[in-house]
Amino acid sequence: MPRENTRLDELEGLLARAGDDPLRLELVRRAQRFKRSWVELAEALNTLSRNGDYRRWGFATLHEYCQKELAIKEATVAKLMLSYGTLERHAPEVLARDGVARQLPSQEAVHYFARAVDQYESEDDDGNRRLDASESLVNELRKAVFDDHKPMAELRKTFDPVLRPKSPETRHAEALRTVRGAARRLLQAMQEVEGLSEKRVARVQAAVDALIRDLDGMDTSEEVAEPELA
């Protein structure tokens, strides 16, 4: 898909026609590639997957080629190809952007979107799964990823509670950790306060120690962190 005409495209042509300093021309070209790096790599990998040229190069599989020749792990290849396929299916107009005049979403953000709308399989996940999202939520996420270019932290904060709500057990464990941490910080902070009587400090120390013991007794299950969307 041809890139949109941009200032850097025009500058590249101008410098090339004028026979300008090769270093200057190369810097412009590298700036263009830098802005589109993950998309161009993912596009090439998808093409290679379809035409199977890696076999002519002596590799049995695409992942073998990527690992041995490009030093890219299988999980990374899978994410790149999934993200590119998601752009082809759900936002093909994004592939026309050059990354300079119009920003490209990060690979992590596109992968996050893919988890909400496409089938996904990874060694880090429990097989095939789809995080079912309503049409209105998908549209909201689409805008956040492809138009507003929200950072991953903001995407997770906004959409994780809906796309991947925490189980009651996880919420309970997190509440215990929060209270336990606050209790320990209180004990530490008290040591830095001048003027408190030893009797007062001892009473609070005893109460907080008892609270922590109660919390430890309530935490009967192993703490297992729920995987993030991306």
Protein backbone atom coordinates (compact mmCIF):
# COMPACT_ATOMS: atom_id res chain seq x y z
CA MET A 1 0.00 0.00 0.00
CA PRO A 2 1.58 3.33 -1.03
CA ARG A 3 2.43 5.80 1.66
CA GLU A 4 0.75 9.18 1.85
CA ASN A 5 2.77 12.05 0.41
CA THR A 6 4.53 13.79 3.29
CA ARG A 7 7.12 16.46 3.91
CA LEU A 8 9.83 13.83 4.39
CA ASP A 9 8.85 12.08 1.15
CA GLU A 10 9.12 15.36 -0.71
CA LEU A 11 12.41 16.21 0.96
CA GLU A 12 13.83 12.79 0.10
CA GLY A 13 12.98 13.30 -3.57
CA LEU A 14 14.37 16.83 -3.58
CA LEU A 15 17.68 15.81 -2.00
CA ALA A 16 18.03 12.79 -4.28
CA ARG A 17 17.41 14.84 -7.44
CA ALA A 18 19.81 17.55 -6.30
CA GLY A 19 22.56 15.06 -5.51
CA ASP A 20 22.81 16.45 -2.00
CA ASP A 21 25.07 15.16 0.76
CA PRO A 22 24.55 11.35 0.92
CA LEU A 23 24.58 11.43 4.73
CA ARG A 24 21.81 14.03 4.77
CA LEU A 25 19.73 11.93 2.38
CA GLU A 26 20.34 8.76 4.41
CA LEU A 27 19.25 10.49 7.61
CA VAL A 28 15.96 11.48 6.00
CA ARG A 29 15.41 7.91 4.82
CA ARG A 30 16.26 6.49 8.24
CA ALA A 31 13.81 8.89 9.86
CA GLN A 32 11.11 7.55 7.54
CA ARG A 33 11.99 3.94 8.33
CA PHE A 34 12.16 4.65 12.05
CA LYS A 35 8.60 5.94 12.10
CA ARG A 36 7.29 2.83 10.33
CA SER A 37 9.73 0.24 11.64
CA TRP A 38 7.39 -2.25 13.32
CA VAL A 39 4.75 -2.03 10.58
CA GLU A 40 7.29 -2.60 7.82
CA LEU A 41 8.85 -5.55 9.63
CA ALA A 42 5.44 -7.08 10.32
CA GLU A 43 4.40 -6.57 6.69
CA ALA A 44 7.55 -8.33 5.47
CA LEU A 45 7.04 -11.23 7.86
CA ASN A 46 3.45 -11.68 6.70
CA THR A 47 4.59 -11.71 3.09
CA LEU A 48 7.32 -14.21 3.92
CA SER A 49 4.81 -16.40 5.73
CA ARG A 50 2.58 -16.49 2.66
CA ASN A 51 5.23 -17.09 -0.02
CA GLY A 52 7.42 -19.44 2.02
CA ASP A 53 10.69 -18.03 0.65
CA TYR A 54 12.42 -18.90 3.91
CA ARG A 55 12.51 -22.50 2.66
CA ARG A 56 14.74 -21.45 -0.25
CA TRP A 57 17.08 -19.97 2.33
CA GLY A 58 17.43 -23.29 4.14
CA PHE A 59 14.93 -22.88 6.97
CA ALA A 60 12.12 -25.31 7.70
CA THR A 61 9.73 -22.79 9.25
CA LEU A 62 9.21 -19.06 9.46
CA HIS A 63 9.91 -19.13 13.18
CA GLU A 64 13.18 -20.98 12.66
CA TYR A 65 14.26 -18.33 10.17
CA CYS A 66 13.28 -15.48 12.49
CA GLN A 67 15.01 -16.98 15.49
CA LYS A 68 18.25 -18.02 13.78
CA GLU A 69 18.67 -15.23 11.24
CA LEU A 70 16.91 -12.23 12.76
CA ALA A 71 17.24 -13.15 16.46
CA ILE A 72 13.50 -12.58 16.96
CA LYS A 73 11.63 -14.87 19.33
CA GLU A 74 8.62 -16.87 18.20
CA ALA A 75 6.28 -15.03 20.60
CA THR A 76 7.43 -11.67 19.19
CA VAL A 77 6.88 -12.86 15.62
CA ALA A 78 3.38 -14.03 16.53
CA LYS A 79 2.51 -10.67 18.09
CA LEU A 80 3.88 -8.72 15.11
CA MET A 81 1.94 -10.80 12.61
CA LEU A 82 -1.25 -10.70 14.65
CA SER A 83 -0.99 -6.92 15.01
CA TYR A 84 -0.40 -6.43 11.29
CA GLY A 85 -3.29 -8.71 10.41
CA THR A 86 -5.48 -6.70 12.76
CA LEU A 87 -4.57 -3.51 10.91
CA GLU A 88 -5.37 -5.16 7.57
CA ARG A 89 -8.79 -6.28 8.78
CA HIS A 90 -9.91 -3.49 11.06
CA ALA A 91 -7.93 -0.35 10.15
CA PRO A 92 -6.38 -0.71 6.67
CA GLU A 93 -6.23 3.06 6.29
CA VAL A 94 -3.62 3.13 9.05
CA LEU A 95 -1.21 1.18 6.82
CA ALA A 96 -1.09 4.14 4.45
CA ARG A 97 0.33 6.43 7.13
CA ASP A 98 4.01 7.25 6.98
CA GLY A 99 4.42 7.69 10.73
CA VAL A 100 5.58 11.29 10.33
CA ALA A 101 2.74 13.42 9.02
CA ARG A 102 0.27 10.96 10.53
CA GLN A 103 1.28 8.92 13.55
CA LEU A 104 1.23 5.14 13.60
CA PRO A 105 -0.09 3.37 16.69
CA SER A 106 2.43 1.39 18.67
CA GLN A 107 2.64 -2.34 18.12
CA GLU A 108 1.69 -2.89 21.76
CA ALA A 109 -1.48 -0.80 21.38
CA VAL A 110 -2.51 -2.62 18.18
CA HIS A 111 -1.87 -5.95 19.87
CA TYR A 112 -4.06 -4.84 22.77
CA PHE A 113 -6.82 -4.00 20.30
CA ALA A 114 -6.34 -7.39 18.63
CA ARG A 115 -6.92 -9.14 21.94
CA ALA A 116 -10.34 -7.52 22.14
CA VAL A 117 -11.54 -8.30 18.62
CA ASP A 118 -9.56 -11.20 17.17
CA GLN A 119 -8.77 -14.78 18.02
CA TYR A 120 -5.47 -14.96 19.82
CA GLU A 121 -3.08 -17.78 20.62
CA SER A 122 0.20 -17.57 22.54
CA GLU A 123 2.41 -19.73 24.69
CA ASP A 124 1.86 -17.12 27.39
CA ASP A 125 -1.90 -17.60 27.26
CA ASP A 126 -4.19 -20.53 27.92
CA GLY A 127 -4.83 -21.52 24.32
CA ASN A 128 -7.24 -19.81 21.96
CA ARG A 129 -9.32 -17.11 23.51
CA ARG A 130 -11.33 -14.11 22.51
CA LEU A 131 -12.06 -11.25 24.86
CA ASP A 132 -15.62 -10.51 23.81
CA ALA A 133 -16.33 -6.79 23.69
CA SER A 134 -19.48 -4.94 22.69
CA GLU A 135 -19.55 -3.01 19.43
CA SER A 136 -19.63 0.32 21.23
CA LEU A 137 -16.64 -0.64 23.36
CA VAL A 138 -14.69 -1.81 20.31
CA ASN A 139 -15.39 1.51 18.60
CA GLU A 140 -14.24 3.39 21.68
CA LEU A 141 -11.07 1.29 21.84
CA ARG A 142 -10.51 1.73 18.10
CA LYS A 143 -10.56 5.51 18.47
CA ALA A 144 -8.25 5.40 21.49
CA VAL A 145 -5.70 3.24 19.66
CA PHE A 146 -5.80 4.43 16.04
CA ASP A 147 -6.87 8.06 16.32
CA ASP A 148 -5.95 9.31 19.78
CA HIS A 149 -2.80 7.17 20.18
CA LYS A 150 -3.37 6.63 23.88
CA PRO A 151 -0.39 5.16 25.77
CA MET A 152 -0.62 1.59 27.02
CA ALA A 153 -0.95 2.63 30.66
CA GLU A 154 -4.03 4.68 29.83
CA LEU A 155 -5.51 1.93 27.65
CA ARG A 156 -5.17 -0.61 30.44
CA LYS A 157 -6.57 1.76 33.03
CA THR A 158 -9.60 2.55 30.89
CA PHE A 159 -10.40 -0.79 29.26
CA ASP A 160 -8.99 -3.57 31.45
CA PRO A 161 -11.82 -3.30 34.02
CA VAL A 162 -14.32 -4.05 31.22
CA LEU A 163 -12.33 -6.37 28.95
CA ARG A 164 -10.68 -8.32 31.74
CA PRO A 165 -12.48 -7.75 35.04
CA LYS A 166 -10.70 -9.07 38.10
CA SER A 167 -12.10 -12.05 39.92
CA PRO A 168 -13.46 -11.64 43.47
CA GLU A 169 -10.45 -13.62 44.72
CA THR A 170 -8.03 -11.27 43.01
CA ARG A 171 -9.81 -8.18 44.33
CA HIS A 172 -9.76 -9.67 47.83
CA ALA A 173 -6.04 -10.43 47.62
CA GLU A 174 -5.28 -6.93 46.34
CA ALA A 175 -7.28 -5.37 49.18
CA LEU A 176 -5.32 -7.41 51.71
CA ARG A 177 -2.03 -6.29 50.15
CA THR A 178 -3.15 -2.65 50.19
CA VAL A 179 -4.16 -2.67 53.86
CA ARG A 180 -1.08 -4.66 54.88
CA GLY A 181 1.18 -2.20 53.08
CA ALA A 182 -0.57 0.80 54.66
CA ALA A 183 -0.18 -0.72 58.12
CA ARG A 184 3.53 -1.26 57.65
CA ARG A 185 4.00 2.26 56.32
CA LEU A 186 2.21 3.62 59.40
CA LEU A 187 4.64 1.80 61.70
CA GLN A 188 7.59 3.13 59.74
CA ALA A 189 6.25 6.68 59.69
CA MET A 190 5.66 6.67 63.45
CA GLN A 191 9.37 6.18 64.04
CA GLU A 192 10.03 9.52 62.38
CA VAL A 193 7.53 11.53 64.45
CA GLU A 194 8.98 13.31 67.46
CA GLY A 195 6.92 13.89 70.60
CA LEU A 196 4.85 10.71 70.61
CA SER A 197 4.89 8.99 73.97
CA GLU A 198 6.40 5.53 74.23
CA LYS A 199 3.08 4.26 75.58
CA ARG A 200 1.18 5.59 72.54
CA VAL A 201 3.72 4.13 70.14
CA ALA A 202 3.56 0.77 71.91
CA ARG A 203 -0.24 0.70 71.77
CA VAL A 204 -0.33 1.50 68.06
CA GLN A 205 2.47 -1.00 67.41
CA ALA A 206 0.51 -3.72 69.17
CA ALA A 207 -2.71 -2.86 67.34
CA VAL A 208 -1.03 -2.79 63.93
CA ASP A 209 0.82 -6.04 64.61
CA ALA A 210 -2.50 -7.65 65.50
CA LEU A 211 -4.06 -6.25 62.33
CA ILE A 212 -1.26 -7.67 60.18
CA ARG A 213 -1.67 -11.08 61.84
CA ASP A 214 -5.39 -10.97 61.07
CA LEU A 215 -4.67 -10.07 57.46
CA ASP A 216 -2.13 -12.86 57.14
CA GLY A 217 -4.74 -15.27 58.49
CA MET A 218 -7.30 -14.11 55.93
CA ASP A 219 -4.87 -14.58 53.04
CA THR A 220 -5.33 -18.33 52.65
CA SER A 221 -4.78 -18.60 48.91
CA GLU A 222 -1.60 -18.19 46.89
CA GLU A 223 -1.35 -14.85 45.18
CA VAL A 224 -1.52 -15.33 41.43
CA ALA A 225 -1.21 -12.28 39.23
CA GLU A 226 -3.75 -12.15 36.44
CA PRO A 227 -2.11 -11.68 33.02
CA GLU A 228 -2.48 -8.32 31.34
CA LEU A 229 -4.10 -7.90 27.96
CA ALA A 230 -0.84 -7.07 26.31
